[in-house]
Amino acid sequence: MNKGDAVAIISPSWAGPSVFPKVYENGLKILKEWGLNIKEYPTVRASHGFLSKNPEARAKDINDAFADPAIKAILASIGGDDSVRILPFLDKKIIANNPKILMGYSDTTTLIVFGNLQGVVTFHGPAIMAGFSQMESLPESFKTHVHEMLFNPREDFEYLPYGQYCDGYLDWSKDENIGKTNELKADKGWKVIQGSGVTEGELFGGCIEVLEFMKGTDFWPSKDFWDGKILFLETSEDKPTVDHVRWMLRNYGVQGVFDKVNAILFARPRDYSNEEKVQFDEMIKDVVGGEFGKTNLPIMTNLDFGHTDPQFVLPLGIRAKIDLDAKTFKLAESWLM
């Protein structure tokens, strides 16, 4: 993108902008500061009742945004829990023939996966209300990182730990909390729980609970899609238990995904205690290495993406390189057109 470009804002799931308009508008300030022209699509500020009853209208906004040559990026206002309902109404040809930045996380996982399956590089990253709105309360390196990922094409990029994080935000119903986060805490760093050496592959993934919504549908990847991928997974603010994540991972194992991917990355789980984080890592190793015998499959955990802030922007469909011995994580090709 460039200064002066038009950016589409959509609400593919929850009606956050209508419930907390000040939080939403505070997030838009960053885009304006960056010199972007904002185009709000018809459903972006619609009520929960309207959005719930009209998944086709939500999908139309996305189709129209992709079809408009003036739009250079499409950003989600917020996540939710039912964007999977709009997938049947998305136009595969329009999206495939008009690639552009599509970014969000949480429930927007359905859209970034759908777009990536059409051959488009999509972006797992902050939403307007959850990430952009709190940007000034987070380390400056977060704002710099998001800007670089959206504006500065390069042939490679190295992710660096932020060193601190927060679990969520202060109460949005109080004006004094707009743009604020919960207390920032020191981070213990990325953790290698199995594997060694260097591995490469195309990034693919999202919110593990939302991916569950897609399994068994026509919008789930084919078996050969997983070959050579680096699968990244993160948990939401609903805080699935360690056992719930265990059951989800077993499904990937039964599908044969662990036989095909080159590595797995897990985000720092939201709202977990230190003890629960230890249990989380032990469970992952037990499922992948123990139950399915993939003891050499590289796995890193506690990375800075997903539902804790600040988060990385991860481009689906772009090659990445992981060095488990050095604990480094890099993009190995340009992520912008």
Foldseek 3Di string as FASTA:
>chain_A
DAAAAEEEEAALAALVCQVQVVLLVLLVVLVVVRRYHYDYDDCNNPHRVVNVVCNLSRQVSVLVLLQDLRHAEYAYQAAHAPSVVNVVNHDLVSLLVRAHEYEEADLCLLVCLLSVVSVHWYKYAHGSSGASFQVVQADPVLVVQVCCLRPPWDFKFWDDAPQKWAQAFPDSVDPVRTNGRPDIDGAPDKDWLAAAFKAKAFEDEGELVSVVVVPPHPSHDDLQVLAAYAYEYAHAPVQDALVVVLVSVLVCLVSVSLVGYQAYEYAAYHPDDPVRSVVNSVSVCCRSCNVNNPRRRIYMYHGAADRMPDHHMGIGGFMWMAGNVVGIIMTRGISHD
